[in-house]
């Protein structure tokens, strides 16, 4: 079994915001896999999907971004899983909109949701898919910017990034994280 956690903030006022890119990917996967996220199991909305002979628990923490780790720890403990079966999906201002990065492990940087997850899980050694929402416009406060909805002009790039993230995640779940890293961890050439 795999645990796929999308980070974000619960509530209608946060739906469609940059900080909810992780939720957006989990919602997309649930739709693609024909399952419905619901309930409050593990302080989260969850859905169990059968994929390629194995189970994947999709998770959207309801603890708000900065406390995401409590929900992740509860889900891992509740399912008897270690961090080696965890993939966290989240937004990243340092990656251009439409691009993604895949990592086997790594420090959380300044992302408060990832800081919480690493602290609660007590390791940085778990897979992650970072969805680009950047760059941060000059003179803008990052905390305010990530809580704004995507503009209409950004939607095509957002959809491209989510499609890439879904494809990369499928590779990770199939045990091909190296292949996903090679394919997706490079800058996309700008359209001519």
C-alpha atoms as a PDB file:
ATOM      1  CA  UNK A   1       0.000   0.000   0.000  1.00  0.00           C
ATOM      2  CA  UNK A   2       1.049   3.571  -0.737  1.00  0.00           C
ATOM      3  CA  UNK A   3      -0.026   6.742   1.023  1.00  0.00           C
ATOM      4  CA  UNK A   4      -0.335   9.737  -1.345  1.00  0.00           C
ATOM      5  CA  UNK A   5      -0.824  12.983   0.560  1.00  0.00           C
ATOM      6  CA  UNK A   6      -1.709  16.251  -1.132  1.00  0.00           C
ATOM      7  CA  UNK A   7      -1.039  19.321   0.992  1.00  0.00           C
ATOM      8  CA  UNK A   8      -3.439  22.250   1.121  1.00  0.00           C
ATOM      9  CA  UNK A   9      -5.927  24.135   3.255  1.00  0.00           C
ATOM     10  CA  UNK A  10      -9.505  22.922   3.777  1.00  0.00           C
ATOM     11  CA  UNK A  11     -12.519  25.106   3.074  1.00  0.00           C
ATOM     12  CA  UNK A  12     -14.143  26.788   0.112  1.00  0.00           C
ATOM     13  CA  UNK A  13     -12.222  30.025   0.670  1.00  0.00           C
ATOM     14  CA  UNK A  14      -8.958  28.178  -0.156  1.00  0.00           C
ATOM     15  CA  UNK A  15     -10.202  26.083  -3.080  1.00  0.00           C
ATOM     16  CA  UNK A  16      -8.363  27.033  -6.244  1.00  0.00           C
ATOM     17  CA  UNK A  17      -5.528  28.841  -4.465  1.00  0.00           C
ATOM     18  CA  UNK A  18      -1.866  28.291  -5.266  1.00  0.00           C
ATOM     19  CA  UNK A  19      -1.204  26.711  -1.868  1.00  0.00           C
ATOM     20  CA  UNK A  20      -3.778  24.003  -2.676  1.00  0.00           C
ATOM     21  CA  UNK A  21      -1.950  22.522  -5.664  1.00  0.00           C
ATOM     22  CA  UNK A  22      -1.424  19.307  -3.666  1.00  0.00           C
ATOM     23  CA  UNK A  23      -5.173  19.002  -3.051  1.00  0.00           C
ATOM     24  CA  UNK A  24      -5.788  19.683  -6.747  1.00  0.00           C
ATOM     25  CA  UNK A  25      -3.598  16.756  -7.759  1.00  0.00           C
ATOM     26  CA  UNK A  26      -5.210  14.383  -5.250  1.00  0.00           C
ATOM     27  CA  UNK A  27      -8.664  15.466  -6.491  1.00  0.00           C
ATOM     28  CA  UNK A  28      -7.537  14.777 -10.064  1.00  0.00           C
ATOM     29  CA  UNK A  29      -6.217  11.304  -9.141  1.00  0.00           C
ATOM     30  CA  UNK A  30      -9.436  10.459  -7.292  1.00  0.00           C
ATOM     31  CA  UNK A  31     -11.421  11.356 -10.410  1.00  0.00           C
ATOM     32  CA  UNK A  32      -9.075   9.423 -12.705  1.00  0.00           C
ATOM     33  CA  UNK A  33      -9.211   6.376 -10.447  1.00  0.00           C
ATOM     34  CA  UNK A  34     -12.972   6.520  -9.867  1.00  0.00           C
ATOM     35  CA  UNK A  35     -12.949   7.047  -6.098  1.00  0.00           C
ATOM     36  CA  UNK A  36     -14.460   9.763  -3.903  1.00  0.00           C
ATOM     37  CA  UNK A  37     -12.632  11.602  -1.131  1.00  0.00           C
ATOM     38  CA  UNK A  38     -14.739  11.836   1.997  1.00  0.00           C
ATOM     39  CA  UNK A  39     -14.906  11.518   5.754  1.00  0.00           C
ATOM     40  CA  UNK A  40     -12.472  12.549   8.423  1.00  0.00           C
ATOM     41  CA  UNK A  41     -10.358   9.416   8.805  1.00  0.00           C
ATOM     42  CA  UNK A  42      -6.886  10.346  10.090  1.00  0.00           C
ATOM     43  CA  UNK A  43      -7.905  14.032  10.387  1.00  0.00           C
ATOM     44  CA  UNK A  44      -8.271  14.018   6.593  1.00  0.00           C
ATOM     45  CA  UNK A  45     -10.504  13.443   3.619  1.00  0.00           C
ATOM     46  CA  UNK A  46      -9.457  10.061   2.214  1.00  0.00           C
ATOM     47  CA  UNK A  47     -10.192   7.633  -0.584  1.00  0.00           C
ATOM     48  CA  UNK A  48      -8.880   4.116  -1.046  1.00  0.00           C
ATOM     49  CA  UNK A  49      -8.049   3.278  -4.650  1.00  0.00           C
ATOM     50  CA  UNK A  50      -7.042  -0.045  -6.142  1.00  0.00           C
ATOM     51  CA  UNK A  51      -4.250   0.478  -8.632  1.00  0.00           C
ATOM     52  CA  UNK A  52      -2.201  -2.146 -10.447  1.00  0.00           C
ATOM     53  CA  UNK A  53      -2.811  -4.864  -7.889  1.00  0.00           C
ATOM     54  CA  UNK A  54      -2.042  -2.612  -4.904  1.00  0.00           C
ATOM     55  CA  UNK A  55      -3.878  -0.126  -2.760  1.00  0.00           C
ATOM     56  CA  UNK A  56      -3.269   3.618  -2.651  1.00  0.00           C
ATOM     57  CA  UNK A  57      -4.759   5.740   0.110  1.00  0.00           C
ATOM     58  CA  UNK A  58      -5.315   9.270  -1.161  1.00  0.00           C
ATOM     59  CA  UNK A  59      -5.198  11.818   1.661  1.00  0.00           C
ATOM     60  CA  UNK A  60      -6.067  15.508   1.989  1.00  0.00           C
ATOM     61  CA  UNK A  61      -5.297  16.669   5.550  1.00  0.00           C
ATOM     62  CA  UNK A  62      -7.980  18.815   7.186  1.00  0.00           C
ATOM     63  CA  UNK A  63      -5.556  20.169   9.769  1.00  0.00           C
ATOM     64  CA  UNK A  64      -4.596  23.217   7.650  1.00  0.00           C
ATOM     65  CA  UNK A  65      -1.248  23.468   5.895  1.00  0.00           C
ATOM     66  CA  UNK A  66       0.987  24.340   8.831  1.00  0.00           C
ATOM     67  CA  UNK A  67      -0.226  21.328  10.850  1.00  0.00           C
ATOM     68  CA  UNK A  68      -0.310  18.777   7.993  1.00  0.00           C
ATOM     69  CA  UNK A  69       2.176  16.509   9.717  1.00  0.00           C
ATOM     70  CA  UNK A  70      -0.304  15.421  12.391  1.00  0.00           C
ATOM     71  CA  UNK A  71      -2.624  14.004   9.729  1.00  0.00           C
ATOM     72  CA  UNK A  72       0.235  12.346   7.834  1.00  0.00           C
ATOM     73  CA  UNK A  73       1.563  10.695  10.991  1.00  0.00           C
ATOM     74  CA  UNK A  74      -1.955   9.515  11.926  1.00  0.00           C
ATOM     75  CA  UNK A  75      -2.454   7.972   8.472  1.00  0.00           C
ATOM     76  CA  UNK A  76       0.946   6.254   8.446  1.00  0.00           C
ATOM     77  CA  UNK A  77       0.404   4.853  11.939  1.00  0.00           C
ATOM     78  CA  UNK A  78      -3.217   3.923  11.205  1.00  0.00           C
ATOM     79  CA  UNK A  79      -2.205   1.934   8.137  1.00  0.00           C
ATOM     80  CA  UNK A  80       0.991   0.538   9.683  1.00  0.00           C
ATOM     81  CA  UNK A  81       3.162   2.123   6.988  1.00  0.00           C
ATOM     82  CA  UNK A  82       6.643   3.583   7.100  1.00  0.00           C
ATOM     83  CA  UNK A  83       7.845   6.728   5.337  1.00  0.00           C
ATOM     84  CA  UNK A  84       9.159   4.555   2.486  1.00  0.00           C
ATOM     85  CA  UNK A  85       5.507   4.134   1.398  1.00  0.00           C
ATOM     86  CA  UNK A  86       4.698   7.870   1.535  1.00  0.00           C
ATOM     87  CA  UNK A  87       4.543  10.384  -1.308  1.00  0.00           C
ATOM     88  CA  UNK A  88       3.748  14.001  -0.448  1.00  0.00           C
ATOM     89  CA  UNK A  89       2.531  16.355  -3.180  1.00  0.00           C
ATOM     90  CA  UNK A  90       2.724  20.107  -2.624  1.00  0.00           C
ATOM     91  CA  UNK A  91       3.163  23.551  -4.167  1.00  0.00           C
ATOM     92  CA  UNK A  92       6.570  25.181  -4.668  1.00  0.00           C
ATOM     93  CA  UNK A  93       7.202  28.874  -5.382  1.00  0.00           C
ATOM     94  CA  UNK A  94      10.767  28.159  -6.550  1.00  0.00           C
ATOM     95  CA  UNK A  95       9.526  26.097  -9.507  1.00  0.00           C
ATOM     96  CA  UNK A  96       7.899  27.820 -12.498  1.00  0.00           C
ATOM     97  CA  UNK A  97       4.181  27.273 -13.010  1.00  0.00           C
ATOM     98  CA  UNK A  98       3.669  24.263 -15.292  1.00  0.00           C
ATOM     99  CA  UNK A  99       6.805  22.460 -14.127  1.00  0.00           C
ATOM    100  CA  UNK A 100       7.332  19.868 -11.399  1.00  0.00           C
ATOM    101  CA  UNK A 101      10.170  18.238  -9.511  1.00  0.00           C
ATOM    102  CA  UNK A 102      10.348  14.723  -8.082  1.00  0.00           C
ATOM    103  CA  UNK A 103      12.613  13.812  -5.162  1.00  0.00           C
ATOM    104  CA  UNK A 104      13.285  10.644  -3.170  1.00  0.00           C
ATOM    105  CA  UNK A 105      13.950  12.696  -0.058  1.00  0.00           C
ATOM    106  CA  UNK A 106      15.258  16.073   1.027  1.00  0.00           C
ATOM    107  CA  UNK A 107      14.914  18.911   3.459  1.00  0.00           C
ATOM    108  CA  UNK A 108      11.562  20.726   3.655  1.00  0.00           C
ATOM    109  CA  UNK A 109      12.996  24.177   2.944  1.00  0.00           C
ATOM    110  CA  UNK A 110      10.677  27.002   4.005  1.00  0.00           C
ATOM    111  CA  UNK A 111       7.403  25.224   3.132  1.00  0.00           C
ATOM    112  CA  UNK A 112       5.515  25.148   6.436  1.00  0.00           C
ATOM    113  CA  UNK A 113       3.432  22.118   5.477  1.00  0.00           C
ATOM    114  CA  UNK A 114       6.546  20.101   4.669  1.00  0.00           C
ATOM    115  CA  UNK A 115       8.271  21.317   7.841  1.00  0.00           C
ATOM    116  CA  UNK A 116       5.295  19.947   9.785  1.00  0.00           C
ATOM    117  CA  UNK A 117       5.320  16.619   7.911  1.00  0.00           C
ATOM    118  CA  UNK A 118       9.070  16.082   8.390  1.00  0.00           C
ATOM    119  CA  UNK A 119       8.801  16.946  12.103  1.00  0.00           C
ATOM    120  CA  UNK A 120       5.863  14.591  12.747  1.00  0.00           C
ATOM    121  CA  UNK A 121       7.221  11.723  10.634  1.00  0.00           C
ATOM    122  CA  UNK A 122      10.683  12.352  12.151  1.00  0.00           C
ATOM    123  CA  UNK A 123      12.508  12.029   8.841  1.00  0.00           C
ATOM    124  CA  UNK A 124      13.046  13.793   5.528  1.00  0.00           C
ATOM    125  CA  UNK A 125      13.425  10.416   3.829  1.00  0.00           C
ATOM    126  CA  UNK A 126      10.181  10.116   1.858  1.00  0.00           C
ATOM    127  CA  UNK A 127       9.240  10.787  -1.761  1.00  0.00           C
ATOM    128  CA  UNK A 128       7.723  14.062  -2.865  1.00  0.00           C
ATOM    129  CA  UNK A 129       6.320  15.658  -5.994  1.00  0.00           C
ATOM    130  CA  UNK A 130       6.597  19.445  -6.007  1.00  0.00           C
ATOM    131  CA  UNK A 131       4.193  21.357  -8.255  1.00  0.00           C
ATOM    132  CA  UNK A 132       5.499  24.679  -9.524  1.00  0.00           C
ATOM    133  CA  UNK A 133       3.431  27.758  -8.718  1.00  0.00           C
ATOM    134  CA  UNK A 134       6.194  30.346  -9.220  1.00  0.00           C
ATOM    135  CA  UNK A 135       7.803  32.616  -9.662  1.00  0.00           C
ATOM    136  CA  UNK A 136       6.839  34.977  -6.857  1.00  0.00           C
ATOM    137  CA  UNK A 137       6.245  38.420  -8.425  1.00  0.00           C
ATOM    138  CA  UNK A 138       8.689  41.110  -7.304  1.00  0.00           C
ATOM    139  CA  UNK A 139       7.531  43.026  -4.261  1.00  0.00           C
ATOM    140  CA  UNK A 140       4.874  40.463  -3.311  1.00  0.00           C
ATOM    141  CA  UNK A 141       4.601  38.776   0.074  1.00  0.00           C
ATOM    142  CA  UNK A 142       4.864  35.001  -0.364  1.00  0.00           C
ATOM    143  CA  UNK A 143       2.323  34.225   2.388  1.00  0.00           C
ATOM    144  CA  UNK A 144      -0.315  36.377   0.695  1.00  0.00           C
ATOM    145  CA  UNK A 145       0.544  35.248  -2.842  1.00  0.00           C
ATOM    146  CA  UNK A 146       0.148  31.513  -2.170  1.00  0.00           C
ATOM    147  CA  UNK A 147      -3.347  32.104  -0.759  1.00  0.00           C
ATOM    148  CA  UNK A 148      -4.568  33.798  -3.954  1.00  0.00           C
ATOM    149  CA  UNK A 149      -6.442  31.846  -6.621  1.00  0.00           C
ATOM    150  CA  UNK A 150      -4.783  31.129  -9.937  1.00  0.00           C
ATOM    151  CA  UNK A 151      -5.608  33.718 -12.575  1.00  0.00           C
ATOM    152  CA  UNK A 152      -7.501  32.693 -15.688  1.00  0.00           C
ATOM    153  CA  UNK A 153      -4.365  33.267 -17.798  1.00  0.00           C
ATOM    154  CA  UNK A 154      -2.477  30.758 -15.599  1.00  0.00           C
ATOM    155  CA  UNK A 155      -4.961  27.898 -15.897  1.00  0.00           C
ATOM    156  CA  UNK A 156      -3.392  26.231 -18.961  1.00  0.00           C
ATOM    157  CA  UNK A 157       0.037  26.144 -17.288  1.00  0.00           C
ATOM    158  CA  UNK A 158      -1.514  24.868 -14.056  1.00  0.00           C
ATOM    159  CA  UNK A 159      -3.260  22.049 -15.931  1.00  0.00           C
ATOM    160  CA  UNK A 160       0.017  21.156 -17.647  1.00  0.00           C
ATOM    161  CA  UNK A 161       1.764  21.001 -14.288  1.00  0.00           C
ATOM    162  CA  UNK A 162      -0.959  18.841 -12.767  1.00  0.00           C
ATOM    163  CA  UNK A 163      -0.852  16.470 -15.756  1.00  0.00           C
ATOM    164  CA  UNK A 164       2.933  16.167 -15.388  1.00  0.00           C
ATOM    165  CA  UNK A 165       2.592  15.592 -11.642  1.00  0.00           C
ATOM    166  CA  UNK A 166      -0.010  12.849 -12.165  1.00  0.00           C
ATOM    167  CA  UNK A 167       2.243  11.104 -14.677  1.00  0.00           C
ATOM    168  CA  UNK A 168       5.262  11.390 -12.391  1.00  0.00           C
ATOM    169  CA  UNK A 169       3.287  10.075  -9.433  1.00  0.00           C
ATOM    170  CA  UNK A 170       2.211   7.024 -11.427  1.00  0.00           C
ATOM    171  CA  UNK A 171       5.905   6.329 -12.119  1.00  0.00           C
ATOM    172  CA  UNK A 172       6.775   6.689  -8.422  1.00  0.00           C
ATOM    173  CA  UNK A 173       4.001   4.268  -7.436  1.00  0.00           C
ATOM    174  CA  UNK A 174       5.294   1.809 -10.057  1.00  0.00           C
ATOM    175  CA  UNK A 175       8.743   1.902  -8.455  1.00  0.00           C
ATOM    176  CA  UNK A 176      10.266   4.088 -11.193  1.00  0.00           C
ATOM    177  CA  UNK A 177      11.178   7.185  -9.157  1.00  0.00           C
ATOM    178  CA  UNK A 178      14.576   7.434 -10.887  1.00  0.00           C
ATOM    179  CA  UNK A 179      12.845   7.472 -14.266  1.00  0.00           C
ATOM    180  CA  UNK A 180      10.420  10.143 -13.025  1.00  0.00           C
ATOM    181  CA  UNK A 181      13.308  12.265 -11.733  1.00  0.00           C
ATOM    182  CA  UNK A 182      15.182  11.982 -15.022  1.00  0.00           C
ATOM    183  CA  UNK A 183      12.121  12.864 -17.053  1.00  0.00           C
ATOM    184  CA  UNK A 184      10.621  15.688 -14.988  1.00  0.00           C
ATOM    185  CA  UNK A 185      13.492  17.331 -13.080  1.00  0.00           C
ATOM    186  CA  UNK A 186      14.532  19.629 -15.891  1.00  0.00           C
ATOM    187  CA  UNK A 187      13.366  23.015 -17.023  1.00  0.00           C
ATOM    188  CA  UNK A 188      10.680  23.041 -19.673  1.00  0.00           C
ATOM    189  CA  UNK A 189      11.619  25.047 -22.741  1.00  0.00           C
ATOM    190  CA  UNK A 190       9.388  28.115 -23.143  1.00  0.00           C
ATOM    191  CA  UNK A 191       6.914  28.030 -26.012  1.00  0.00           C
ATOM    192  CA  UNK A 192       8.188  29.777 -29.147  1.00  0.00           C
END
